[in-house]
Amino acid sequence: GELGQLQARIDDLRAQQRELQENRPDRNAVVADLSSRFDQLLRAFGFPKLDDPEPPYLDKEFVPYVRGSRYDQIGSRGAVTLVALAWELAIFERAIEKSRPHPGFLMIDSPQANLKPLTDQPSDEYSNPEITVRLWHHIAEWTKRHGQGVQLLVVDHTPPPEVSDSVVVTFSGDPDLPPYGLIENEDGRD
């Protein structure tokens, strides 16, 4: 009897496996869909000279290319930051919108970090404040439309007024003024 139950369970699992394989999305279609969203996001952010010499895309291994170069060979920290944000948001957004498997949680740490000129270096085309405004605007608008049931956690020193109603906690950065930071004893105090 036990052997018969195990055989029935194996047959059920094989049927489930076949069904999953039959309903699996075509890899080329997934790459094309994510490439399209990746392109849309970079355009929404105002990525400079985006189509020079060719539009952005993801290759068959999901590696981003912008301006005809692999993302890590672009040369600008601001450009790499924007590409990375567009890449992870493309995957997150499409998974949520298409009800695909995803934990429903995305954390972005310091999206503005490389988009502002350092005090000792000249600004470049990625330090245009409008890029940061457009980035945050996209995040705010997307979460209003699709954010029910998902969590998008963005850690940033200076979120814009557009998202002020979504700020959960503001850390002081001053050990004498709680809350100091995410890790309370980071300054070495007990």
C-alpha atoms as a PDB file:
ATOM      1  CA  GLY A   1       0.000   0.000   0.000  1.00  0.00           C
ATOM      2  CA  GLU A   2       2.803   2.394   0.906  1.00  0.00           C
ATOM      3  CA  LEU A   3       4.573   1.655  -2.370  1.00  0.00           C
ATOM      4  CA  GLY A   4       1.357   2.421  -4.269  1.00  0.00           C
ATOM      5  CA  GLN A   5       1.015   5.794  -2.465  1.00  0.00           C
ATOM      6  CA  LEU A   6       4.612   6.695  -3.289  1.00  0.00           C
ATOM      7  CA  GLN A   7       4.118   5.731  -6.933  1.00  0.00           C
ATOM      8  CA  ALA A   8       0.970   7.893  -7.108  1.00  0.00           C
ATOM      9  CA  ARG A   9       2.880  10.800  -5.553  1.00  0.00           C
ATOM     10  CA  ILE A  10       5.710  10.364  -8.092  1.00  0.00           C
ATOM     11  CA  ASP A  11       3.160  10.368 -10.926  1.00  0.00           C
ATOM     12  CA  ASP A  12       1.589  13.595  -9.549  1.00  0.00           C
ATOM     13  CA  LEU A  13       4.977  15.271  -9.273  1.00  0.00           C
ATOM     14  CA  ARG A  14       5.908  14.271 -12.825  1.00  0.00           C
ATOM     15  CA  ALA A  15       2.626  15.712 -14.084  1.00  0.00           C
ATOM     16  CA  GLN A  16       3.286  18.962 -12.192  1.00  0.00           C
ATOM     17  CA  GLN A  17       6.810  19.096 -13.632  1.00  0.00           C
ATOM     18  CA  ARG A  18       5.468  18.642 -17.195  1.00  0.00           C
ATOM     19  CA  GLU A  19       2.900  21.384 -16.649  1.00  0.00           C
ATOM     20  CA  LEU A  20       5.537  23.774 -15.323  1.00  0.00           C
ATOM     21  CA  GLN A  21       7.814  23.047 -18.272  1.00  0.00           C
ATOM     22  CA  GLU A  22       4.978  23.597 -20.742  1.00  0.00           C
ATOM     23  CA  ASN A  23       4.050  26.925 -19.128  1.00  0.00           C
ATOM     24  CA  ARG A  24       7.623  28.138 -18.793  1.00  0.00           C
ATOM     25  CA  PRO A  25       8.083  31.450 -20.585  1.00  0.00           C
ATOM     26  CA  ASP A  26      10.365  31.489 -23.605  1.00  0.00           C
ATOM     27  CA  ARG A  27      13.819  32.765 -22.596  1.00  0.00           C
ATOM     28  CA  ASN A  28      14.105  35.030 -25.650  1.00  0.00           C
ATOM     29  CA  ALA A  29      10.724  36.578 -24.828  1.00  0.00           C
ATOM     30  CA  VAL A  30      11.818  37.199 -21.227  1.00  0.00           C
ATOM     31  CA  VAL A  31      15.088  38.802 -22.383  1.00  0.00           C
ATOM     32  CA  ALA A  32      13.208  40.994 -24.876  1.00  0.00           C
ATOM     33  CA  ASP A  33      10.642  42.032 -22.255  1.00  0.00           C
ATOM     34  CA  LEU A  34      13.292  42.908 -19.666  1.00  0.00           C
ATOM     35  CA  SER A  35      15.385  44.712 -22.305  1.00  0.00           C
ATOM     36  CA  SER A  36      12.384  46.824 -23.207  1.00  0.00           C
ATOM     37  CA  ARG A  37      11.712  47.766 -19.581  1.00  0.00           C
ATOM     38  CA  PHE A  38      15.442  48.410 -19.002  1.00  0.00           C
ATOM     39  CA  ASP A  39      15.438  50.800 -21.981  1.00  0.00           C
ATOM     40  CA  GLN A  40      12.238  52.514 -20.747  1.00  0.00           C
ATOM     41  CA  LEU A  41      13.703  53.024 -17.277  1.00  0.00           C
ATOM     42  CA  LEU A  42      16.938  54.572 -18.529  1.00  0.00           C
ATOM     43  CA  ARG A  43      14.889  56.912 -20.714  1.00  0.00           C
ATOM     44  CA  ALA A  44      12.639  57.780 -17.771  1.00  0.00           C
ATOM     45  CA  PHE A  45      15.717  58.604 -15.668  1.00  0.00           C
ATOM     46  CA  GLY A  46      17.095  60.853 -18.429  1.00  0.00           C
ATOM     47  CA  PHE A  47      20.272  58.831 -19.062  1.00  0.00           C
ATOM     48  CA  PRO A  48      22.423  61.112 -21.254  1.00  0.00           C
ATOM     49  CA  LYS A  49      23.150  60.214 -24.896  1.00  0.00           C
ATOM     50  CA  LEU A  50      21.367  56.907 -24.434  1.00  0.00           C
ATOM     51  CA  ASP A  51      21.256  55.861 -28.099  1.00  0.00           C
ATOM     52  CA  ASP A  52      24.857  56.777 -28.934  1.00  0.00           C
ATOM     53  CA  PRO A  53      25.891  54.552 -30.744  1.00  0.00           C
ATOM     54  CA  GLU A  54      22.995  52.115 -30.073  1.00  0.00           C
ATOM     55  CA  PRO A  55      20.013  51.768 -27.715  1.00  0.00           C
ATOM     56  CA  PRO A  56      20.448  49.945 -24.400  1.00  0.00           C
ATOM     57  CA  TYR A  57      19.640  46.255 -24.119  1.00  0.00           C
ATOM     58  CA  LEU A  58      20.188  43.099 -22.096  1.00  0.00           C
ATOM     59  CA  ASP A  59      22.074  40.295 -23.783  1.00  0.00           C
ATOM     60  CA  LYS A  60      20.923  36.659 -23.705  1.00  0.00           C
ATOM     61  CA  GLU A  61      22.595  36.260 -20.292  1.00  0.00           C
ATOM     62  CA  PHE A  62      20.706  39.330 -18.950  1.00  0.00           C
ATOM     63  CA  VAL A  63      23.886  41.456 -18.877  1.00  0.00           C
ATOM     64  CA  PRO A  64      23.134  45.160 -19.511  1.00  0.00           C
ATOM     65  CA  TYR A  65      24.712  47.078 -22.384  1.00  0.00           C
ATOM     66  CA  VAL A  66      24.484  50.847 -22.744  1.00  0.00           C
ATOM     67  CA  ARG A  67      26.003  53.083 -25.423  1.00  0.00           C
ATOM     68  CA  GLY A  68      27.340  49.971 -27.120  1.00  0.00           C
ATOM     69  CA  SER A  69      29.356  48.877 -24.070  1.00  0.00           C
ATOM     70  CA  ARG A  70      28.921  46.348 -21.321  1.00  0.00           C
ATOM     71  CA  TYR A  71      27.666  48.167 -18.200  1.00  0.00           C
ATOM     72  CA  ASP A  72      30.920  47.745 -16.237  1.00  0.00           C
ATOM     73  CA  GLN A  73      33.006  49.243 -19.054  1.00  0.00           C
ATOM     74  CA  ILE A  74      31.166  52.546 -19.288  1.00  0.00           C
ATOM     75  CA  GLY A  75      33.697  54.330 -17.084  1.00  0.00           C
ATOM     76  CA  SER A  76      31.456  56.584 -15.018  1.00  0.00           C
ATOM     77  CA  ARG A  77      30.281  55.641 -11.543  1.00  0.00           C
ATOM     78  CA  GLY A  78      27.113  57.649 -12.131  1.00  0.00           C
ATOM     79  CA  ALA A  79      26.388  55.740 -15.345  1.00  0.00           C
ATOM     80  CA  VAL A  80      26.994  52.389 -13.654  1.00  0.00           C
ATOM     81  CA  THR A  81      24.667  53.411 -10.807  1.00  0.00           C
ATOM     82  CA  LEU A  82      21.872  54.288 -13.238  1.00  0.00           C
ATOM     83  CA  VAL A  83      22.372  51.099 -15.238  1.00  0.00           C
ATOM     84  CA  ALA A  84      22.329  48.973 -12.063  1.00  0.00           C
ATOM     85  CA  LEU A  85      19.167  50.686 -10.826  1.00  0.00           C
ATOM     86  CA  ALA A  86      17.418  50.244 -14.178  1.00  0.00           C
ATOM     87  CA  TRP A  87      18.482  46.585 -14.330  1.00  0.00           C
ATOM     88  CA  GLU A  88      17.242  45.653 -10.867  1.00  0.00           C
ATOM     89  CA  LEU A  89      14.063  47.702 -11.197  1.00  0.00           C
ATOM     90  CA  ALA A  90      13.318  46.113 -14.586  1.00  0.00           C
ATOM     91  CA  ILE A  91      13.475  42.633 -13.076  1.00  0.00           C
ATOM     92  CA  PHE A  92      11.530  43.634  -9.949  1.00  0.00           C
ATOM     93  CA  GLU A  93       8.816  45.577 -11.754  1.00  0.00           C
ATOM     94  CA  ARG A  94       8.175  43.006 -14.481  1.00  0.00           C
ATOM     95  CA  ALA A  95       8.072  40.143 -11.975  1.00  0.00           C
ATOM     96  CA  ILE A  96       5.468  42.000  -9.918  1.00  0.00           C
ATOM     97  CA  GLU A  97       3.430  43.207 -12.909  1.00  0.00           C
ATOM     98  CA  LYS A  98       3.349  39.736 -14.491  1.00  0.00           C
ATOM     99  CA  SER A  99       2.806  37.866 -11.200  1.00  0.00           C
ATOM    100  CA  ARG A 100       6.044  35.953 -11.701  1.00  0.00           C
ATOM    101  CA  PRO A 101       7.957  34.365  -8.836  1.00  0.00           C
ATOM    102  CA  HIS A 102       9.638  37.034  -6.731  1.00  0.00           C
ATOM    103  CA  PRO A 103       9.849  37.588  -2.986  1.00  0.00           C
ATOM    104  CA  GLY A 104       8.082  40.936  -3.467  1.00  0.00           C
ATOM    105  CA  PHE A 105      10.863  42.835  -1.745  1.00  0.00           C
ATOM    106  CA  LEU A 106      13.622  45.027  -3.144  1.00  0.00           C
ATOM    107  CA  MET A 107      16.153  47.115  -1.225  1.00  0.00           C
ATOM    108  CA  ILE A 108      18.051  49.924  -2.921  1.00  0.00           C
ATOM    109  CA  ASP A 109      20.896  51.500  -0.995  1.00  0.00           C
ATOM    110  CA  SER A 110      21.919  55.102  -1.687  1.00  0.00           C
ATOM    111  CA  PRO A 111      20.673  55.542  -5.263  1.00  0.00           C
ATOM    112  CA  GLN A 112      21.978  59.119  -5.361  1.00  0.00           C
ATOM    113  CA  ALA A 113      25.493  58.252  -4.134  1.00  0.00           C
ATOM    114  CA  ASN A 114      27.256  58.429  -7.509  1.00  0.00           C
ATOM    115  CA  LEU A 115      24.852  60.870  -9.130  1.00  0.00           C
ATOM    116  CA  LYS A 116      26.104  63.907  -7.262  1.00  0.00           C
ATOM    117  CA  PRO A 117      29.478  65.483  -7.977  1.00  0.00           C
ATOM    118  CA  LEU A 118      32.126  64.945  -5.348  1.00  0.00           C
ATOM    119  CA  THR A 119      33.382  68.198  -3.875  1.00  0.00           C
ATOM    120  CA  ASP A 120      36.920  67.619  -5.135  1.00  0.00           C
ATOM    121  CA  GLN A 121      35.959  66.491  -8.661  1.00  0.00           C
ATOM    122  CA  PRO A 122      34.263  68.236 -11.565  1.00  0.00           C
ATOM    123  CA  SER A 123      30.681  67.241 -12.265  1.00  0.00           C
ATOM    124  CA  ASP A 124      29.869  65.017 -15.218  1.00  0.00           C
ATOM    125  CA  GLU A 125      26.748  64.465 -17.291  1.00  0.00           C
ATOM    126  CA  TYR A 126      25.345  62.086 -14.661  1.00  0.00           C
ATOM    127  CA  SER A 127      25.438  64.631 -11.854  1.00  0.00           C
ATOM    128  CA  ASN A 128      22.551  66.581 -13.360  1.00  0.00           C
ATOM    129  CA  PRO A 129      20.043  66.986 -10.486  1.00  0.00           C
ATOM    130  CA  GLU A 130      17.175  66.341 -12.924  1.00  0.00           C
ATOM    131  CA  ILE A 131      18.291  62.699 -13.231  1.00  0.00           C
ATOM    132  CA  THR A 132      17.814  62.162  -9.503  1.00  0.00           C
ATOM    133  CA  VAL A 133      14.406  63.874  -9.591  1.00  0.00           C
ATOM    134  CA  ARG A 134      13.318  61.656 -12.480  1.00  0.00           C
ATOM    135  CA  LEU A 135      14.625  58.509 -10.789  1.00  0.00           C
ATOM    136  CA  TRP A 136      12.703  59.219  -7.596  1.00  0.00           C
ATOM    137  CA  HIS A 137       9.612  60.249  -9.573  1.00  0.00           C
ATOM    138  CA  HIS A 138       9.611  56.920 -11.370  1.00  0.00           C
ATOM    139  CA  ILE A 139       9.906  54.993  -8.098  1.00  0.00           C
ATOM    140  CA  ALA A 140       7.083  57.013  -6.527  1.00  0.00           C
ATOM    141  CA  GLU A 141       4.756  56.632  -9.518  1.00  0.00           C
ATOM    142  CA  TRP A 142       5.423  52.930 -10.031  1.00  0.00           C
ATOM    143  CA  THR A 143       4.779  52.121  -6.375  1.00  0.00           C
ATOM    144  CA  LYS A 144       1.511  54.085  -6.459  1.00  0.00           C
ATOM    145  CA  ARG A 145       0.310  51.985  -9.407  1.00  0.00           C
ATOM    146  CA  HIS A 146       1.783  48.580  -8.571  1.00  0.00           C
ATOM    147  CA  GLY A 147       3.108  48.689  -5.031  1.00  0.00           C
ATOM    148  CA  GLN A 148       0.214  46.985  -3.264  1.00  0.00           C
ATOM    149  CA  GLY A 149       1.564  43.872  -1.563  1.00  0.00           C
ATOM    150  CA  VAL A 150       5.225  44.545  -2.359  1.00  0.00           C
ATOM    151  CA  GLN A 151       7.923  46.296  -0.415  1.00  0.00           C
ATOM    152  CA  LEU A 152      10.428  48.656  -1.996  1.00  0.00           C
ATOM    153  CA  LEU A 153      12.892  49.856   0.623  1.00  0.00           C
ATOM    154  CA  VAL A 154      15.122  52.732  -0.450  1.00  0.00           C
ATOM    155  CA  VAL A 155      17.859  53.921   1.879  1.00  0.00           C
ATOM    156  CA  ASP A 156      18.984  57.448   1.024  1.00  0.00           C
ATOM    157  CA  HIS A 157      20.381  60.493   2.798  1.00  0.00           C
ATOM    158  CA  THR A 158      18.200  63.036   1.033  1.00  0.00           C
ATOM    159  CA  PRO A 159      14.942  61.684  -0.361  1.00  0.00           C
ATOM    160  CA  PRO A 160      13.005  64.329  -2.285  1.00  0.00           C
ATOM    161  CA  PRO A 161       9.801  65.965  -1.008  1.00  0.00           C
ATOM    162  CA  GLU A 162       7.770  63.859  -3.478  1.00  0.00           C
ATOM    163  CA  VAL A 163       8.310  60.793  -1.272  1.00  0.00           C
ATOM    164  CA  SER A 164       8.265  62.468   2.146  1.00  0.00           C
ATOM    165  CA  ASP A 165       4.990  60.744   3.077  1.00  0.00           C
ATOM    166  CA  SER A 166       6.727  57.383   2.535  1.00  0.00           C
ATOM    167  CA  VAL A 167       9.701  58.046   4.810  1.00  0.00           C
ATOM    168  CA  VAL A 168       9.515  55.548   7.659  1.00  0.00           C
ATOM    169  CA  VAL A 169      12.502  56.625   9.736  1.00  0.00           C
ATOM    170  CA  THR A 170      15.170  59.299   9.544  1.00  0.00           C
ATOM    171  CA  PHE A 171      18.459  58.564  11.270  1.00  0.00           C
ATOM    172  CA  SER A 172      20.357  61.464  12.772  1.00  0.00           C
ATOM    173  CA  GLY A 173      23.917  60.258  12.183  1.00  0.00           C
ATOM    174  CA  ASP A 174      24.647  61.817  15.571  1.00  0.00           C
ATOM    175  CA  PRO A 175      25.307  59.311  18.391  1.00  0.00           C
ATOM    176  CA  ASP A 176      23.863  61.785  20.897  1.00  0.00           C
ATOM    177  CA  LEU A 177      20.613  62.230  18.962  1.00  0.00           C
ATOM    178  CA  PRO A 178      18.637  58.983  18.616  1.00  0.00           C
ATOM    179  CA  PRO A 179      17.935  57.255  16.379  1.00  0.00           C
ATOM    180  CA  TYR A 180      21.591  57.346  15.348  1.00  0.00           C
ATOM    181  CA  GLY A 181      21.456  54.779  12.564  1.00  0.00           C
ATOM    182  CA  LEU A 182      20.233  51.393  11.537  1.00  0.00           C
ATOM    183  CA  ILE A 183      22.800  49.789  13.831  1.00  0.00           C
ATOM    184  CA  GLU A 184      22.502  51.711  17.085  1.00  0.00           C
ATOM    185  CA  ASN A 185      25.943  50.881  18.494  1.00  0.00           C
ATOM    186  CA  GLU A 186      27.806  51.383  15.219  1.00  0.00           C
ATOM    187  CA  ASP A 187      29.830  54.168  16.829  1.00  0.00           C
ATOM    188  CA  GLY A 188      31.355  51.671  19.291  1.00  0.00           C
ATOM    189  CA  ARG A 189      29.317  52.758  22.308  1.00  0.00           C
ATOM    190  CA  ASP A 190      27.485  50.253  24.490  1.00  0.00           C
END
